[in-house]
Amino acid sequence: MAQKKLKLTLVRSIIGLSPKQEATVKALGLRRMHQTVSHDDTATIRGMIAKVPHMLKVSDEA
């Protein structure tokens, strides 16, 4: 069975974030606004999303 995937899109600028939050966004692979990346749905990725939910749009990948 294939691992479930999440599609993450950066919807706000990282300017003004705390250094920890900025590092979290960059660790997710997001560098610029409206960039989209795909990640496996794991507890680690979910934890990172929970640290910056106001910055991201999260959707399931079909």
C-alpha atoms as a PDB file:
ATOM      1  CA  MET A   1       0.000   0.000   0.000  1.00  0.00           C
ATOM      2  CA  ALA A   2       1.358   3.400  -0.973  1.00  0.00           C
ATOM      3  CA  GLN A   3       2.204   5.971   1.689  1.00  0.00           C
ATOM      4  CA  LYS A   4      -0.263   8.847   1.885  1.00  0.00           C
ATOM      5  CA  LYS A   5       1.162  12.133   0.549  1.00  0.00           C
ATOM      6  CA  LEU A   6       0.583  15.736   1.601  1.00  0.00           C
ATOM      7  CA  LYS A   7       0.872  18.745  -0.674  1.00  0.00           C
ATOM      8  CA  LEU A   8       2.181  21.850   1.139  1.00  0.00           C
ATOM      9  CA  THR A   9       2.030  25.360  -0.294  1.00  0.00           C
ATOM     10  CA  LEU A  10       3.621  28.437   1.274  1.00  0.00           C
ATOM     11  CA  VAL A  11       0.916  31.118   1.282  1.00  0.00           C
ATOM     12  CA  ARG A  12       2.619  33.864   3.308  1.00  0.00           C
ATOM     13  CA  SER A  13       6.074  35.412   3.252  1.00  0.00           C
ATOM     14  CA  ILE A  14       8.624  34.173   5.779  1.00  0.00           C
ATOM     15  CA  ILE A  15       9.741  37.769   6.435  1.00  0.00           C
ATOM     16  CA  GLY A  16       9.168  38.557  10.103  1.00  0.00           C
ATOM     17  CA  LEU A  17       9.039  34.966  11.334  1.00  0.00           C
ATOM     18  CA  SER A  18      11.078  33.884  14.305  1.00  0.00           C
ATOM     19  CA  PRO A  19      14.318  32.135  13.309  1.00  0.00           C
ATOM     20  CA  LYS A  20      12.936  28.762  14.477  1.00  0.00           C
ATOM     21  CA  GLN A  21       9.784  29.117  12.392  1.00  0.00           C
ATOM     22  CA  GLU A  22      11.783  30.258   9.380  1.00  0.00           C
ATOM     23  CA  ALA A  23      14.058  27.225   9.737  1.00  0.00           C
ATOM     24  CA  THR A  24      11.006  24.927   9.924  1.00  0.00           C
ATOM     25  CA  VAL A  25       9.561  26.336   6.696  1.00  0.00           C
ATOM     26  CA  LYS A  26      12.916  25.990   4.946  1.00  0.00           C
ATOM     27  CA  ALA A  27      13.344  22.421   6.263  1.00  0.00           C
ATOM     28  CA  LEU A  28      10.026  21.550   4.629  1.00  0.00           C
ATOM     29  CA  GLY A  29      11.643  22.582   1.341  1.00  0.00           C
ATOM     30  CA  LEU A  30       9.738  25.829   0.867  1.00  0.00           C
ATOM     31  CA  ARG A  31      11.800  28.811  -0.240  1.00  0.00           C
ATOM     32  CA  ARG A  32       9.396  31.241  -1.916  1.00  0.00           C
ATOM     33  CA  MET A  33       5.732  32.147  -1.782  1.00  0.00           C
ATOM     34  CA  HIS A  34       3.251  29.931  -3.657  1.00  0.00           C
ATOM     35  CA  GLN A  35       5.856  27.174  -3.968  1.00  0.00           C
ATOM     36  CA  THR A  36       4.404  23.701  -3.526  1.00  0.00           C
ATOM     37  CA  VAL A  37       6.166  20.584  -2.271  1.00  0.00           C
ATOM     38  CA  SER A  38       5.033  17.034  -1.607  1.00  0.00           C
ATOM     39  CA  HIS A  39       5.874  15.045   1.543  1.00  0.00           C
ATOM     40  CA  ASP A  40       4.876  11.694   3.001  1.00  0.00           C
ATOM     41  CA  ASP A  41       2.238  11.956   5.727  1.00  0.00           C
ATOM     42  CA  THR A  42       4.392  11.139   8.753  1.00  0.00           C
ATOM     43  CA  ALA A  43       4.324  12.258  12.371  1.00  0.00           C
ATOM     44  CA  THR A  44       7.510  14.277  11.821  1.00  0.00           C
ATOM     45  CA  ILE A  45       6.054  16.244   8.919  1.00  0.00           C
ATOM     46  CA  ARG A  46       2.752  16.750  10.786  1.00  0.00           C
ATOM     47  CA  GLY A  47       4.705  18.163  13.746  1.00  0.00           C
ATOM     48  CA  MET A  48       6.539  20.596  11.483  1.00  0.00           C
ATOM     49  CA  ILE A  49       3.237  21.693   9.931  1.00  0.00           C
ATOM     50  CA  ALA A  50       1.814  22.252  13.428  1.00  0.00           C
ATOM     51  CA  LYS A  51       4.613  24.751  14.176  1.00  0.00           C
ATOM     52  CA  VAL A  52       3.700  27.030  11.249  1.00  0.00           C
ATOM     53  CA  PRO A  53       0.037  26.347  10.328  1.00  0.00           C
ATOM     54  CA  HIS A  54      -0.642  30.014   9.562  1.00  0.00           C
ATOM     55  CA  MET A  55       1.964  29.940   6.778  1.00  0.00           C
ATOM     56  CA  LEU A  56       0.867  26.823   4.920  1.00  0.00           C
ATOM     57  CA  LYS A  57      -1.983  25.454   2.869  1.00  0.00           C
ATOM     58  CA  VAL A  58      -2.115  21.676   3.323  1.00  0.00           C
ATOM     59  CA  SER A  59      -4.001  19.319   1.018  1.00  0.00           C
ATOM     60  CA  ASP A  60      -4.032  15.625   0.238  1.00  0.00           C
ATOM     61  CA  GLU A  61      -2.291  14.563  -2.923  1.00  0.00           C
ATOM     62  CA  ALA A  62      -4.351  12.355  -5.191  1.00  0.00           C
END
